[in-house]
Amino acid sequence: DLIAALTERVVGDGGGVVTVSHDQARLAESCDNTMSLTEG
């Protein structure tokens, strides 16, 4: 929850966030857009 609050603060200040994970489902829930990196 603290990391989520930090993310919201950065976005609220007009910044941006890039978060990487092997868990695509969790990213889909928390991100505006998701991308997949496969073999570079």
PDB file of all heavy atoms in Angstrom:
ATOM      1  N   ASP A   1       0.834  -1.209   0.000  1.00  0.00           N
ATOM      2  CA  ASP A   1       0.000   0.000   0.000  1.00  0.00           C
ATOM      3  C   ASP A   1       0.866   1.256   0.000  1.00  0.00           C
ATOM      4  O   ASP A   1       0.509   2.269  -0.619  1.00  0.00           O
ATOM      5  CB  ASP A   1      -0.929   0.010   1.218  1.00  0.00           C
ATOM      6  CG  ASP A   1      -2.055  -0.997   1.106  1.00  0.00           C
ATOM      7  OD1 ASP A   1      -2.301  -1.499  -0.010  1.00  0.00           O
ATOM      8  OD2 ASP A   1      -2.681  -1.300   2.140  1.00  0.00           O
ATOM      9  N   LEU A   2       2.006   1.223   0.698  1.00  0.00           N
ATOM     10  CA  LEU A   2       2.908   2.376   0.711  1.00  0.00           C
ATOM     11  C   LEU A   2       3.460   2.651  -0.676  1.00  0.00           C
ATOM     12  O   LEU A   2       3.567   3.803  -1.099  1.00  0.00           O
ATOM     13  CB  LEU A   2       4.056   2.130   1.693  1.00  0.00           C
ATOM     14  CG  LEU A   2       3.744   2.276   3.176  1.00  0.00           C
ATOM     15  CD1 LEU A   2       4.948   1.824   3.997  1.00  0.00           C
ATOM     16  CD2 LEU A   2       3.371   3.717   3.515  1.00  0.00           C
ATOM     17  N   ILE A   3       3.830   1.595  -1.396  1.00  0.00           N
ATOM     18  CA  ILE A   3       4.345   1.777  -2.748  1.00  0.00           C
ATOM     19  C   ILE A   3       3.246   2.290  -3.672  1.00  0.00           C
ATOM     20  O   ILE A   3       3.493   3.142  -4.536  1.00  0.00           O
ATOM     21  CB  ILE A   3       4.961   0.466  -3.268  1.00  0.00           C
ATOM     22  CG1 ILE A   3       6.238   0.162  -2.471  1.00  0.00           C
ATOM     23  CG2 ILE A   3       5.267   0.554  -4.762  1.00  0.00           C
ATOM     24  CD1 ILE A   3       6.933  -1.113  -2.846  1.00  0.00           C
ATOM     25  N   ALA A   4       2.025   1.807  -3.469  1.00  0.00           N
ATOM     26  CA  ALA A   4       0.899   2.312  -4.260  1.00  0.00           C
ATOM     27  C   ALA A   4       0.675   3.798  -3.982  1.00  0.00           C
ATOM     28  O   ALA A   4       0.411   4.585  -4.909  1.00  0.00           O
ATOM     29  CB  ALA A   4      -0.361   1.511  -3.948  1.00  0.00           C
ATOM     30  N   ALA A   5       0.794   4.196  -2.714  1.00  0.00           N
ATOM     31  CA  ALA A   5       0.619   5.608  -2.359  1.00  0.00           C
ATOM     32  C   ALA A   5       1.738   6.456  -2.954  1.00  0.00           C
ATOM     33  O   ALA A   5       1.491   7.583  -3.417  1.00  0.00           O
ATOM     34  CB  ALA A   5       0.583   5.765  -0.842  1.00  0.00           C
ATOM     35  N   LEU A   6       2.957   5.930  -2.955  1.00  0.00           N
ATOM     36  CA  LEU A   6       4.080   6.639  -3.577  1.00  0.00           C
ATOM     37  C   LEU A   6       3.831   6.829  -5.068  1.00  0.00           C
ATOM     38  O   LEU A   6       4.059   7.916  -5.620  1.00  0.00           O
ATOM     39  CB  LEU A   6       5.372   5.851  -3.356  1.00  0.00           C
ATOM     40  CG  LEU A   6       6.620   6.347  -4.077  1.00  0.00           C
ATOM     41  CD1 LEU A   6       7.020   7.734  -3.584  1.00  0.00           C
ATOM     42  CD2 LEU A   6       7.775   5.359  -3.877  1.00  0.00           C
ATOM     43  N   THR A   7       3.341   5.780  -5.713  1.00  0.00           N
ATOM     44  CA  THR A   7       3.024   5.855  -7.138  1.00  0.00           C
ATOM     45  C   THR A   7       1.990   6.939  -7.410  1.00  0.00           C
ATOM     46  O   THR A   7       2.144   7.755  -8.329  1.00  0.00           O
ATOM     47  CB  THR A   7       2.503   4.486  -7.624  1.00  0.00           C
ATOM     48  OG1 THR A   7       3.526   3.501  -7.457  1.00  0.00           O
ATOM     49  CG2 THR A   7       2.082   4.545  -9.082  1.00  0.00           C
ATOM     50  N   GLU A   8       0.944   6.971  -6.596  1.00  0.00           N
ATOM     51  CA  GLU A   8      -0.105   7.979  -6.764  1.00  0.00           C
ATOM     52  C   GLU A   8       0.454   9.392  -6.572  1.00  0.00           C
ATOM     53  O   GLU A   8       0.038  10.328  -7.264  1.00  0.00           O
ATOM     54  CB  GLU A   8      -1.236   7.714  -5.776  1.00  0.00           C
ATOM     55  CG  GLU A   8      -2.036   6.438  -6.077  1.00  0.00           C
ATOM     56  CD  GLU A   8      -3.098   6.177  -5.040  1.00  0.00           C
ATOM     57  OE1 GLU A   8      -3.296   7.043  -4.154  1.00  0.00           O
ATOM     58  OE2 GLU A   8      -3.735   5.108  -5.102  1.00  0.00           O
ATOM     59  N   ARG A   9       1.376   9.525  -5.647  1.00  0.00           N
ATOM     60  CA  ARG A   9       1.955  10.858  -5.384  1.00  0.00           C
ATOM     61  C   ARG A   9       2.768  11.341  -6.581  1.00  0.00           C
ATOM     62  O   ARG A   9       2.671  12.509  -6.976  1.00  0.00           O
ATOM     63  CB  ARG A   9       2.830  10.801  -4.143  1.00  0.00           C
ATOM     64  CG  ARG A   9       3.479  12.120  -3.784  1.00  0.00           C
ATOM     65  CD  ARG A   9       4.138  12.018  -2.432  1.00  0.00           C
ATOM     66  NE  ARG A   9       4.793  13.263  -2.054  1.00  0.00           N
ATOM     67  CZ  ARG A   9       5.353  13.480  -0.873  1.00  0.00           C
ATOM     68  NH1 ARG A   9       5.322  12.543   0.043  1.00  0.00           N
ATOM     69  NH2 ARG A   9       5.930  14.619  -0.607  1.00  0.00           N
ATOM     70  N   VAL A  10       3.578  10.448  -7.149  1.00  0.00           N
ATOM     71  CA  VAL A  10       4.374  10.823  -8.317  1.00  0.00           C
ATOM     72  C   VAL A  10       3.472  11.235  -9.475  1.00  0.00           C
ATOM     73  O   VAL A  10       3.695  12.265 -10.124  1.00  0.00           O
ATOM     74  CB  VAL A  10       5.308   9.665  -8.733  1.00  0.00           C
ATOM     75  CG1 VAL A  10       5.978   9.965 -10.065  1.00  0.00           C
ATOM     76  CG2 VAL A  10       6.353   9.408  -7.657  1.00  0.00           C
ATOM     77  N   VAL A  11       2.448  10.430  -9.722  1.00  0.00           N
ATOM     78  CA  VAL A  11       1.507  10.735 -10.805  1.00  0.00           C
ATOM     79  C   VAL A  11       0.761  12.038 -10.522  1.00  0.00           C
ATOM     80  O   VAL A  11       0.567  12.869 -11.417  1.00  0.00           O
ATOM     81  CB  VAL A  11       0.526   9.564 -10.992  1.00  0.00           C
ATOM     82  CG1 VAL A  11      -0.616   9.949 -11.923  1.00  0.00           C
ATOM     83  CG2 VAL A  11       1.258   8.341 -11.536  1.00  0.00           C
ATOM     84  N   GLY A  12       0.368  12.226  -9.268  1.00  0.00           N
ATOM     85  CA  GLY A  12      -0.345  13.446  -8.904  1.00  0.00           C
ATOM     86  C   GLY A  12       0.492  14.694  -9.066  1.00  0.00           C
ATOM     87  O   GLY A  12      -0.037  15.786  -9.310  1.00  0.00           O
ATOM     88  N   ASP A  13       1.810  14.539  -8.959  1.00  0.00           N
ATOM     89  CA  ASP A  13       2.728  15.673  -9.144  1.00  0.00           C
ATOM     90  C   ASP A  13       3.045  15.919 -10.624  1.00  0.00           C
ATOM     91  O   ASP A  13       3.867  16.786 -10.946  1.00  0.00           O
ATOM     92  CB  ASP A  13       4.042  15.421  -8.402  1.00  0.00           C
ATOM     93  CG  ASP A  13       3.904  15.580  -6.888  1.00  0.00           C
ATOM     94  OD1 ASP A  13       2.893  16.164  -6.446  1.00  0.00           O
ATOM     95  OD2 ASP A  13       4.810  15.132  -6.163  1.00  0.00           O
ATOM     96  N   GLY A  14       2.433  15.136 -11.513  1.00  0.00           N
ATOM     97  CA  GLY A  14       2.682  15.308 -12.938  1.00  0.00           C
ATOM     98  C   GLY A  14       3.824  14.481 -13.472  1.00  0.00           C
ATOM     99  O   GLY A  14       4.270  14.678 -14.609  1.00  0.00           O
ATOM    100  N   GLY A  15       4.316  13.545 -12.654  1.00  0.00           N
ATOM    101  CA  GLY A  15       5.377  12.653 -13.097  1.00  0.00           C
ATOM    102  C   GLY A  15       4.807  11.400 -13.731  1.00  0.00           C
ATOM    103  O   GLY A  15       3.625  11.325 -14.055  1.00  0.00           O
ATOM    104  N   GLY A  16       5.682  10.412 -13.915  1.00  0.00           N
ATOM    105  CA  GLY A  16       5.252   9.163 -14.518  1.00  0.00           C
ATOM    106  C   GLY A  16       5.922   7.977 -13.850  1.00  0.00           C
ATOM    107  O   GLY A  16       6.949   8.131 -13.173  1.00  0.00           O
ATOM    108  N   VAL A  17       5.338   6.797 -14.038  1.00  0.00           N
ATOM    109  CA  VAL A  17       5.813   5.589 -13.379  1.00  0.00           C
ATOM    110  C   VAL A  17       5.942   4.470 -14.400  1.00  0.00           C
ATOM    111  O   VAL A  17       5.054   4.268 -15.236  1.00  0.00           O
ATOM    112  CB  VAL A  17       4.848   5.150 -12.252  1.00  0.00           C
ATOM    113  CG1 VAL A  17       5.368   3.884 -11.566  1.00  0.00           C
ATOM    114  CG2 VAL A  17       4.652   6.274 -11.237  1.00  0.00           C
ATOM    115  N   VAL A  18       7.051   3.741 -14.320  1.00  0.00           N
ATOM    116  CA  VAL A  18       7.228   2.520 -15.095  1.00  0.00           C
ATOM    117  C   VAL A  18       7.449   1.393 -14.101  1.00  0.00           C
ATOM    118  O   VAL A  18       8.368   1.453 -13.277  1.00  0.00           O
ATOM    119  CB  VAL A  18       8.428   2.597 -16.055  1.00  0.00           C
ATOM    120  CG1 VAL A  18       8.574   1.288 -16.836  1.00  0.00           C
ATOM    121  CG2 VAL A  18       8.268   3.774 -17.019  1.00  0.00           C
ATOM    122  N   THR A  19       6.594   0.375 -14.141  1.00  0.00           N
ATOM    123  CA  THR A  19       6.710  -0.742 -13.221  1.00  0.00           C
ATOM    124  C   THR A  19       6.812  -2.042 -14.006  1.00  0.00           C
ATOM    125  O   THR A  19       6.032  -2.270 -14.934  1.00  0.00           O
ATOM    126  CB  THR A  19       5.517  -0.779 -12.232  1.00  0.00           C
ATOM    127  OG1 THR A  19       5.619  -1.927 -11.388  1.00  0.00           O
ATOM    128  CG2 THR A  19       4.189  -0.790 -12.956  1.00  0.00           C
ATOM    129  N   VAL A  20       7.791  -2.858 -13.679  1.00  0.00           N
ATOM    130  CA  VAL A  20       7.973  -4.114 -14.390  1.00  0.00           C
ATOM    131  C   VAL A  20       7.704  -5.279 -13.464  1.00  0.00           C
ATOM    132  O   VAL A  20       7.979  -5.227 -12.258  1.00  0.00           O
ATOM    133  CB  VAL A  20       9.384  -4.241 -15.007  1.00  0.00           C
ATOM    134  CG1 VAL A  20       9.709  -3.067 -15.903  1.00  0.00           C
ATOM    135  CG2 VAL A  20      10.436  -4.407 -13.935  1.00  0.00           C
ATOM    136  N   SER A  21       7.153  -6.336 -14.028  1.00  0.00           N
ATOM    137  CA  SER A  21       6.794  -7.511 -13.249  1.00  0.00           C
ATOM    138  C   SER A  21       6.575  -8.682 -14.196  1.00  0.00           C
ATOM    139  O   SER A  21       6.266  -8.489 -15.375  1.00  0.00           O
ATOM    140  CB  SER A  21       5.520  -7.249 -12.426  1.00  0.00           C
ATOM    141  OG  SER A  21       5.087  -8.418 -11.769  1.00  0.00           O
ATOM    142  N   HIS A  22       6.722  -9.889 -13.666  1.00  0.00           N
ATOM    143  CA  HIS A  22       6.353 -11.069 -14.446  1.00  0.00           C
ATOM    144  C   HIS A  22       4.855 -11.327 -14.356  1.00  0.00           C
ATOM    145  O   HIS A  22       4.305 -12.129 -15.097  1.00  0.00           O
ATOM    146  CB  HIS A  22       7.113 -12.303 -13.926  1.00  0.00           C
ATOM    147  CG  HIS A  22       6.741 -12.662 -12.520  1.00  0.00           C
ATOM    148  ND1 HIS A  22       7.311 -12.035 -11.424  1.00  0.00           N
ATOM    149  CD2 HIS A  22       5.842 -13.547 -12.030  1.00  0.00           C
ATOM    150  CE1 HIS A  22       6.776 -12.539 -10.322  1.00  0.00           C
ATOM    151  NE2 HIS A  22       5.889 -13.447 -10.658  1.00  0.00           N
ATOM    152  N   ASP A  23       4.170 -10.601 -13.430  1.00  0.00           N
ATOM    153  CA  ASP A  23       2.742 -10.808 -13.172  1.00  0.00           C
ATOM    154  C   ASP A  23       1.917  -9.833 -14.026  1.00  0.00           C
ATOM    155  O   ASP A  23       1.606  -8.727 -13.614  1.00  0.00           O
ATOM    156  CB  ASP A  23       2.453 -10.590 -11.691  1.00  0.00           C
ATOM    157  CG  ASP A  23       1.042 -11.009 -11.292  1.00  0.00           C
ATOM    158  OD1 ASP A  23       0.182 -11.124 -12.182  1.00  0.00           O
ATOM    159  OD2 ASP A  23       0.811 -11.215 -10.089  1.00  0.00           O
ATOM    160  N   GLN A  24       1.545 -10.267 -15.214  1.00  0.00           N
ATOM    161  CA  GLN A  24       0.829  -9.399 -16.141  1.00  0.00           C
ATOM    162  C   GLN A  24      -0.557  -9.026 -15.628  1.00  0.00           C
ATOM    163  O   GLN A  24      -1.031  -7.908 -15.843  1.00  0.00           O
ATOM    164  CB  GLN A  24       0.706 -10.083 -17.509  1.00  0.00           C
ATOM    165  CG  GLN A  24       0.173  -9.169 -18.605  1.00  0.00           C
ATOM    166  CD  GLN A  24       0.347  -9.779 -19.978  1.00  0.00           C
ATOM    167  OE1 GLN A  24       1.379 -10.391 -20.271  1.00  0.00           O
ATOM    168  NE2 GLN A  24      -0.649  -9.621 -20.821  1.00  0.00           N
ATOM    169  N   ALA A  25      -1.202  -9.939 -14.910  1.00  0.00           N
ATOM    170  CA  ALA A  25      -2.544  -9.662 -14.393  1.00  0.00           C
ATOM    171  C   ALA A  25      -2.518  -8.525 -13.384  1.00  0.00           C
ATOM    172  O   ALA A  25      -3.384  -7.634 -13.401  1.00  0.00           O
ATOM    173  CB  ALA A  25      -3.135 -10.922 -13.768  1.00  0.00           C
ATOM    174  N   ARG A  26      -1.523  -8.524 -12.486  1.00  0.00           N
ATOM    175  CA  ARG A  26      -1.420  -7.448 -11.492  1.00  0.00           C
ATOM    176  C   ARG A  26      -1.132  -6.118 -12.170  1.00  0.00           C
ATOM    177  O   ARG A  26      -1.679  -5.080 -11.777  1.00  0.00           O
ATOM    178  CB  ARG A  26      -0.320  -7.774 -10.481  1.00  0.00           C
ATOM    179  CG  ARG A  26      -0.093  -6.671  -9.455  1.00  0.00           C
ATOM    180  CD  ARG A  26       0.880  -7.100  -8.383  1.00  0.00           C
ATOM    181  NE  ARG A  26       0.301  -8.116  -7.507  1.00  0.00           N
ATOM    182  CZ  ARG A  26       0.943  -8.655  -6.476  1.00  0.00           C
ATOM    183  NH1 ARG A  26       2.194  -8.288  -6.205  1.00  0.00           N
ATOM    184  NH2 ARG A  26       0.350  -9.555  -5.711  1.00  0.00           N
ATOM    185  N   LEU A  27      -0.293  -6.125 -13.189  1.00  0.00           N
ATOM    186  CA  LEU A  27      -0.013  -4.892 -13.914  1.00  0.00           C
ATOM    187  C   LEU A  27      -1.267  -4.340 -14.570  1.00  0.00           C
ATOM    188  O   LEU A  27      -1.501  -3.132 -14.566  1.00  0.00           O
ATOM    189  CB  LEU A  27       1.062  -5.143 -14.974  1.00  0.00           C
ATOM    190  CG  LEU A  27       2.474  -5.442 -14.480  1.00  0.00           C
ATOM    191  CD1 LEU A  27       3.399  -5.707 -15.664  1.00  0.00           C
ATOM    192  CD2 LEU A  27       3.024  -4.310 -13.624  1.00  0.00           C
ATOM    193  N   ALA A  28      -2.071  -5.226 -15.137  1.00  0.00           N
ATOM    194  CA  ALA A  28      -3.294  -4.787 -15.819  1.00  0.00           C
ATOM    195  C   ALA A  28      -4.236  -4.081 -14.856  1.00  0.00           C
ATOM    196  O   ALA A  28      -4.974  -3.164 -15.246  1.00  0.00           O
ATOM    197  CB  ALA A  28      -3.978  -5.982 -16.461  1.00  0.00           C
ATOM    198  N   GLU A  29      -4.212  -4.484 -13.587  1.00  0.00           N
ATOM    199  CA  GLU A  29      -5.097  -3.883 -12.584  1.00  0.00           C
ATOM    200  C   GLU A  29      -4.627  -2.498 -12.152  1.00  0.00           C
ATOM    201  O   GLU A  29      -5.448  -1.639 -11.823  1.00  0.00           O
ATOM    202  CB  GLU A  29      -5.178  -4.789 -11.350  1.00  0.00           C
ATOM    203  CG  GLU A  29      -5.877  -6.120 -11.599  1.00  0.00           C
ATOM    204  CD  GLU A  29      -5.846  -7.002 -10.360  1.00  0.00           C
ATOM    205  OE1 GLU A  29      -5.222  -6.580  -9.349  1.00  0.00           O
ATOM    206  OE2 GLU A  29      -6.419  -8.093 -10.389  1.00  0.00           O
ATOM    207  N   SER A  30      -3.319  -2.272 -12.151  1.00  0.00           N
ATOM    208  CA  SER A  30      -2.779  -1.055 -11.535  1.00  0.00           C
ATOM    209  C   SER A  30      -2.220  -0.032 -12.521  1.00  0.00           C
ATOM    210  O   SER A  30      -1.898   1.090 -12.119  1.00  0.00           O
ATOM    211  CB  SER A  30      -1.674  -1.431 -10.537  1.00  0.00           C
ATOM    212  OG  SER A  30      -0.628  -2.137 -11.181  1.00  0.00           O
ATOM    213  N   CYS A  31      -2.110  -0.403 -13.802  1.00  0.00           N
ATOM    214  CA  CYS A  31      -1.458   0.478 -14.773  1.00  0.00           C
ATOM    215  C   CYS A  31      -2.426   1.010 -15.819  1.00  0.00           C
ATOM    216  O   CYS A  31      -3.444   0.379 -16.113  1.00  0.00           O
ATOM    217  CB  CYS A  31      -0.320  -0.274 -15.481  1.00  0.00           C
ATOM    218  SG  CYS A  31       0.954  -0.863 -14.354  1.00  0.00           S
ATOM    219  N   ASP A  32      -2.089   2.157 -16.373  1.00  0.00           N
ATOM    220  CA  ASP A  32      -2.914   2.728 -17.443  1.00  0.00           C
ATOM    221  C   ASP A  32      -2.753   1.924 -18.728  1.00  0.00           C
ATOM    222  O   ASP A  32      -3.724   1.727 -19.462  1.00  0.00           O
ATOM    223  CB  ASP A  32      -2.497   4.183 -17.699  1.00  0.00           C
ATOM    224  CG  ASP A  32      -2.697   5.054 -16.474  1.00  0.00           C
ATOM    225  OD1 ASP A  32      -3.783   5.001 -15.885  1.00  0.00           O
ATOM    226  OD2 ASP A  32      -1.760   5.775 -16.101  1.00  0.00           O
ATOM    227  N   ASN A  33      -1.534   1.503 -18.997  1.00  0.00           N
ATOM    228  CA  ASN A  33      -1.237   0.676 -20.175  1.00  0.00           C
ATOM    229  C   ASN A  33      -0.218  -0.371 -19.784  1.00  0.00           C
ATOM    230  O   ASN A  33       0.579  -0.163 -18.864  1.00  0.00           O
ATOM    231  CB  ASN A  33      -0.679   1.520 -21.333  1.00  0.00           C
ATOM    232  CG  ASN A  33      -1.652   2.568 -21.817  1.00  0.00           C
ATOM    233  OD1 ASN A  33      -1.542   3.724 -21.447  1.00  0.00           O
ATOM    234  ND2 ASN A  33      -2.603   2.173 -22.637  1.00  0.00           N
ATOM    235  N   THR A  34      -0.238  -1.497 -20.486  1.00  0.00           N
ATOM    236  CA  THR A  34       0.761  -2.524 -20.242  1.00  0.00           C
ATOM    237  C   THR A  34       1.405  -2.945 -21.556  1.00  0.00           C
ATOM    238  O   THR A  34       0.774  -2.931 -22.610  1.00  0.00           O
ATOM    239  CB  THR A  34       0.149  -3.764 -19.558  1.00  0.00           C
ATOM    240  OG1 THR A  34      -0.882  -4.315 -20.384  1.00  0.00           O
ATOM    241  CG2 THR A  34      -0.437  -3.401 -18.199  1.00  0.00           C
ATOM    242  N   MET A  35       2.682  -3.313 -21.437  1.00  0.00           N
ATOM    243  CA  MET A  35       3.431  -3.790 -22.586  1.00  0.00           C
ATOM    244  C   MET A  35       4.115  -5.097 -22.209  1.00  0.00           C
ATOM    245  O   MET A  35       4.354  -5.375 -21.029  1.00  0.00           O
ATOM    246  CB  MET A  35       4.464  -2.759 -23.032  1.00  0.00           C
ATOM    247  CG  MET A  35       3.880  -1.388 -23.329  1.00  0.00           C
ATOM    248  SD  MET A  35       5.088  -0.227 -24.030  1.00  0.00           S
ATOM    249  CE  MET A  35       5.115  -0.778 -25.744  1.00  0.00           C
ATOM    250  N   SER A  36       4.412  -5.890 -23.198  1.00  0.00           N
ATOM    251  CA  SER A  36       5.064  -7.174 -22.974  1.00  0.00           C
ATOM    252  C   SER A  36       6.433  -7.175 -23.648  1.00  0.00           C
ATOM    253  O   SER A  36       6.563  -6.766 -24.804  1.00  0.00           O
ATOM    254  CB  SER A  36       4.205  -8.309 -23.547  1.00  0.00           C
ATOM    255  OG  SER A  36       4.853  -9.547 -23.417  1.00  0.00           O
ATOM    256  N   LEU A  37       7.440  -7.625 -22.907  1.00  0.00           N
ATOM    257  CA  LEU A  37       8.797  -7.706 -23.423  1.00  0.00           C
ATOM    258  C   LEU A  37       9.144  -9.176 -23.622  1.00  0.00           C
ATOM    259  O   LEU A  37       9.196  -9.959 -22.671  1.00  0.00           O
ATOM    260  CB  LEU A  37       9.768  -7.045 -22.459  1.00  0.00           C
ATOM    261  CG  LEU A  37      11.210  -6.813 -22.912  1.00  0.00           C
ATOM    262  CD1 LEU A  37      11.251  -5.985 -24.186  1.00  0.00           C
ATOM    263  CD2 LEU A  37      11.990  -6.100 -21.817  1.00  0.00           C
ATOM    264  N   THR A  38       9.332  -9.550 -24.875  1.00  0.00           N
ATOM    265  CA  THR A  38       9.605 -10.955 -25.217  1.00  0.00           C
ATOM    266  C   THR A  38      10.807 -11.019 -26.149  1.00  0.00           C
ATOM    267  O   THR A  38      10.793 -10.406 -27.213  1.00  0.00           O
ATOM    268  CB  THR A  38       8.391 -11.597 -25.902  1.00  0.00           C
ATOM    269  OG1 THR A  38       7.234 -11.443 -25.085  1.00  0.00           O
ATOM    270  CG2 THR A  38       8.629 -13.087 -26.147  1.00  0.00           C
ATOM    271  N   GLU A  39      11.842 -11.724 -25.709  1.00  0.00           N
ATOM    272  CA  GLU A  39      13.066 -11.879 -26.503  1.00  0.00           C
ATOM    273  C   GLU A  39      13.590 -10.532 -26.980  1.00  0.00           C
ATOM    274  O   GLU A  39      13.997 -10.371 -28.142  1.00  0.00           O
ATOM    275  CB  GLU A  39      12.830 -12.832 -27.672  1.00  0.00           C
ATOM    276  CG  GLU A  39      12.496 -14.257 -27.218  1.00  0.00           C
ATOM    277  CD  GLU A  39      12.324 -15.209 -28.390  1.00  0.00           C
ATOM    278  OE1 GLU A  39      12.259 -14.729 -29.537  1.00  0.00           O
ATOM    279  OE2 GLU A  39      12.257 -16.420 -28.144  1.00  0.00           O
ATOM    280  N   GLY A  40      13.522  -9.544 -26.087  1.00  0.00           N
ATOM    281  CA  GLY A  40      14.082  -8.232 -26.381  1.00  0.00           C
ATOM    282  C   GLY A  40      13.198  -7.299 -27.172  1.00  0.00           C
ATOM    283  O   GLY A  40      13.602  -6.172 -27.461  1.00  0.00           O
TER     284      GLY A  40
END
